[in-house]
Amino acid sequence: MSIKLPKPITDFVEANARLDIDGMMEPFLKDAVFVDNGKRYVGLAEIRRLLVEEAIAVKAIFEPDTAREEDGAVVLEGPAHGDFPGSPLRFTYRFTLLDEAIKTLETRVWK
């Protein structure tokens, strides 16, 4: 990935590229919130379960091709490919950081 991003986001994206669930979880705060197409997951256990079931299980790898700052958040857009219907699909990932960790992550698939 050639886009310059804050370390927690880079760590998450790079771990996702390896399908490394522990690496994907490492940058999150303990009380982080993950909003996946409008559904909220709060805390590390719920986020891990979501990522195992929705990313790792189908080998979904997100490859951001654009990045911008928007209202204090870092917004990435790009395709995700894997073993799921419609692959690849284009996603938006919106990260909010606190103390060098991911506080919130909101994902949305483009339709």
C-alpha atoms as a PDB file:
ATOM      1  CA  MET A   1       0.000   0.000   0.000  1.00  0.00           C
ATOM      2  CA  SER A   2       1.520   3.314  -1.069  1.00  0.00           C
ATOM      3  CA  ILE A   3      -0.921   5.617   0.761  1.00  0.00           C
ATOM      4  CA  LYS A   4       0.630   7.275   3.860  1.00  0.00           C
ATOM      5  CA  LEU A   5      -1.639   6.534   6.827  1.00  0.00           C
ATOM      6  CA  PRO A   6      -1.442   6.716  10.630  1.00  0.00           C
ATOM      7  CA  LYS A   7       0.256   3.624  12.086  1.00  0.00           C
ATOM      8  CA  PRO A   8      -2.858   1.981  13.633  1.00  0.00           C
ATOM      9  CA  ILE A   9      -4.632   2.121  10.272  1.00  0.00           C
ATOM     10  CA  THR A  10      -1.589   0.890   8.359  1.00  0.00           C
ATOM     11  CA  ASP A  11      -1.224  -1.965  10.856  1.00  0.00           C
ATOM     12  CA  PHE A  12      -4.893  -2.949  10.427  1.00  0.00           C
ATOM     13  CA  VAL A  13      -4.795  -2.838   6.611  1.00  0.00           C
ATOM     14  CA  GLU A  14      -1.501  -4.746   6.420  1.00  0.00           C
ATOM     15  CA  ALA A  15      -2.747  -7.424   8.854  1.00  0.00           C
ATOM     16  CA  ASN A  16      -5.925  -7.756   6.786  1.00  0.00           C
ATOM     17  CA  ALA A  17      -3.806  -8.336   3.674  1.00  0.00           C
ATOM     18  CA  ARG A  18      -2.228 -11.305   5.525  1.00  0.00           C
ATOM     19  CA  LEU A  19      -5.633 -12.423   6.920  1.00  0.00           C
ATOM     20  CA  ASP A  20      -4.011 -12.114  10.365  1.00  0.00           C
ATOM     21  CA  ILE A  21      -6.869 -11.710  12.863  1.00  0.00           C
ATOM     22  CA  ASP A  22      -4.565 -11.001  15.825  1.00  0.00           C
ATOM     23  CA  GLY A  23      -2.788  -8.301  13.845  1.00  0.00           C
ATOM     24  CA  MET A  24      -6.117  -6.812  12.746  1.00  0.00           C
ATOM     25  CA  MET A  25      -7.292  -6.637  16.361  1.00  0.00           C
ATOM     26  CA  GLU A  26      -4.118  -5.171  17.843  1.00  0.00           C
ATOM     27  CA  PRO A  27      -4.732  -1.503  16.838  1.00  0.00           C
ATOM     28  CA  PHE A  28      -8.226  -1.347  18.434  1.00  0.00           C
ATOM     29  CA  LEU A  29      -8.999   0.205  21.818  1.00  0.00           C
ATOM     30  CA  LYS A  30     -10.623  -2.214  24.289  1.00  0.00           C
ATOM     31  CA  ASP A  31     -13.949  -0.354  24.031  1.00  0.00           C
ATOM     32  CA  ALA A  32     -13.747   0.318  20.283  1.00  0.00           C
ATOM     33  CA  VAL A  33     -16.864   0.407  18.129  1.00  0.00           C
ATOM     34  CA  PHE A  34     -17.102  -1.179  14.673  1.00  0.00           C
ATOM     35  CA  VAL A  35     -20.104  -0.214  12.558  1.00  0.00           C
ATOM     36  CA  ASP A  36     -20.547  -2.588   9.621  1.00  0.00           C
ATOM     37  CA  ASN A  37     -23.200  -1.338   7.167  1.00  0.00           C
ATOM     38  CA  GLY A  38     -25.138   0.190  10.055  1.00  0.00           C
ATOM     39  CA  LYS A  39     -24.822  -2.672  12.571  1.00  0.00           C
ATOM     40  CA  ARG A  40     -22.798  -1.843  15.721  1.00  0.00           C
ATOM     41  CA  TYR A  41     -20.251  -4.129  17.351  1.00  0.00           C
ATOM     42  CA  VAL A  42     -18.810  -2.887  20.654  1.00  0.00           C
ATOM     43  CA  GLY A  43     -15.647  -4.154  22.326  1.00  0.00           C
ATOM     44  CA  LEU A  44     -12.876  -6.453  21.242  1.00  0.00           C
ATOM     45  CA  ALA A  45     -14.811  -9.741  21.522  1.00  0.00           C
ATOM     46  CA  GLU A  46     -17.642  -8.565  19.265  1.00  0.00           C
ATOM     47  CA  ILE A  47     -15.262  -6.986  16.759  1.00  0.00           C
ATOM     48  CA  ARG A  48     -13.119 -10.142  16.629  1.00  0.00           C
ATOM     49  CA  ARG A  49     -16.202 -12.305  16.038  1.00  0.00           C
ATOM     50  CA  LEU A  50     -17.336  -9.999  13.220  1.00  0.00           C
ATOM     51  CA  LEU A  51     -13.933 -10.010  11.542  1.00  0.00           C
ATOM     52  CA  VAL A  52     -13.541 -13.788  11.840  1.00  0.00           C
ATOM     53  CA  GLU A  53     -17.006 -14.427  10.390  1.00  0.00           C
ATOM     54  CA  GLU A  54     -17.136 -11.675   7.771  1.00  0.00           C
ATOM     55  CA  ALA A  55     -13.514 -11.191   6.692  1.00  0.00           C
ATOM     56  CA  ILE A  56     -11.289 -14.120   7.618  1.00  0.00           C
ATOM     57  CA  ALA A  57     -13.856 -16.831   6.746  1.00  0.00           C
ATOM     58  CA  VAL A  58     -14.270 -15.506   3.189  1.00  0.00           C
ATOM     59  CA  LYS A  59     -10.660 -14.321   2.776  1.00  0.00           C
ATOM     60  CA  ALA A  60     -11.837 -10.723   2.306  1.00  0.00           C
ATOM     61  CA  ILE A  61      -8.911  -8.389   1.723  1.00  0.00           C
ATOM     62  CA  PHE A  62      -9.460  -4.628   1.540  1.00  0.00           C
ATOM     63  CA  GLU A  63      -7.099  -2.719  -0.783  1.00  0.00           C
ATOM     64  CA  PRO A  64      -7.541   1.027  -0.302  1.00  0.00           C
ATOM     65  CA  ASP A  65      -6.800   3.162  -3.317  1.00  0.00           C
ATOM     66  CA  THR A  66      -7.862   6.553  -1.957  1.00  0.00           C
ATOM     67  CA  ALA A  67      -7.509   8.247   1.424  1.00  0.00           C
ATOM     68  CA  ARG A  68      -8.688  11.544   2.848  1.00  0.00           C
ATOM     69  CA  GLU A  69      -9.297  13.286   6.161  1.00  0.00           C
ATOM     70  CA  GLU A  70     -12.899  14.198   6.859  1.00  0.00           C
ATOM     71  CA  ASP A  71     -14.255  15.725  10.088  1.00  0.00           C
ATOM     72  CA  GLY A  72     -11.355  14.346  12.152  1.00  0.00           C
ATOM     73  CA  ALA A  73     -11.581  10.857  10.631  1.00  0.00           C
ATOM     74  CA  VAL A  74      -9.423   9.058   8.091  1.00  0.00           C
ATOM     75  CA  VAL A  75     -11.554   7.763   5.222  1.00  0.00           C
ATOM     76  CA  LEU A  76     -10.301   5.037   2.915  1.00  0.00           C
ATOM     77  CA  GLU A  77     -12.008   3.772  -0.209  1.00  0.00           C
ATOM     78  CA  GLY A  78     -11.167   0.795  -2.349  1.00  0.00           C
ATOM     79  CA  PRO A  79     -12.064  -2.718  -3.393  1.00  0.00           C
ATOM     80  CA  ALA A  80     -12.247  -5.798  -1.204  1.00  0.00           C
ATOM     81  CA  HIS A  81     -11.842  -9.152  -2.846  1.00  0.00           C
ATOM     82  CA  GLY A  82     -12.275 -12.673  -1.550  1.00  0.00           C
ATOM     83  CA  ASP A  83     -14.496 -15.745  -1.628  1.00  0.00           C
ATOM     84  CA  PHE A  84     -17.837 -13.928  -1.400  1.00  0.00           C
ATOM     85  CA  PRO A  85     -20.632 -13.128  -3.875  1.00  0.00           C
ATOM     86  CA  GLY A  86     -19.944 -10.089  -6.042  1.00  0.00           C
ATOM     87  CA  SER A  87     -16.213 -10.012  -5.304  1.00  0.00           C
ATOM     88  CA  PRO A  88     -14.634  -7.573  -5.660  1.00  0.00           C
ATOM     89  CA  LEU A  89     -16.879  -5.010  -3.972  1.00  0.00           C
ATOM     90  CA  ARG A  90     -15.951  -1.385  -3.322  1.00  0.00           C
ATOM     91  CA  PHE A  91     -15.940  -0.267   0.326  1.00  0.00           C
ATOM     92  CA  THR A  92     -15.526   2.877   2.384  1.00  0.00           C
ATOM     93  CA  TYR A  93     -13.688   2.501   5.727  1.00  0.00           C
ATOM     94  CA  ARG A  94     -13.942   5.451   8.134  1.00  0.00           C
ATOM     95  CA  PHE A  95     -11.470   5.366  11.034  1.00  0.00           C
ATOM     96  CA  THR A  96     -11.494   7.540  14.139  1.00  0.00           C
ATOM     97  CA  LEU A  97      -8.364   7.357  16.284  1.00  0.00           C
ATOM     98  CA  LEU A  98      -7.706   8.072  19.955  1.00  0.00           C
ATOM     99  CA  ASP A  99      -4.297   7.801  21.651  1.00  0.00           C
ATOM    100  CA  GLU A 100      -2.694   6.062  18.648  1.00  0.00           C
ATOM    101  CA  ALA A 101      -5.410   3.385  18.490  1.00  0.00           C
ATOM    102  CA  ILE A 102      -8.610   2.775  16.541  1.00  0.00           C
ATOM    103  CA  LYS A 103     -11.593   4.132  18.472  1.00  0.00           C
ATOM    104  CA  THR A 104     -14.219   3.597  15.761  1.00  0.00           C
ATOM    105  CA  LEU A 105     -14.291   1.955  12.377  1.00  0.00           C
ATOM    106  CA  GLU A 106     -17.301   2.311  10.104  1.00  0.00           C
ATOM    107  CA  THR A 107     -17.479   0.276   6.913  1.00  0.00           C
ATOM    108  CA  ARG A 108     -19.928   0.560   4.063  1.00  0.00           C
ATOM    109  CA  VAL A 109     -20.164  -1.304   0.793  1.00  0.00           C
ATOM    110  CA  TRP A 110     -20.929   0.754  -2.302  1.00  0.00           C
ATOM    111  CA  LYS A 111     -24.059  -0.203  -4.138  1.00  0.00           C
END
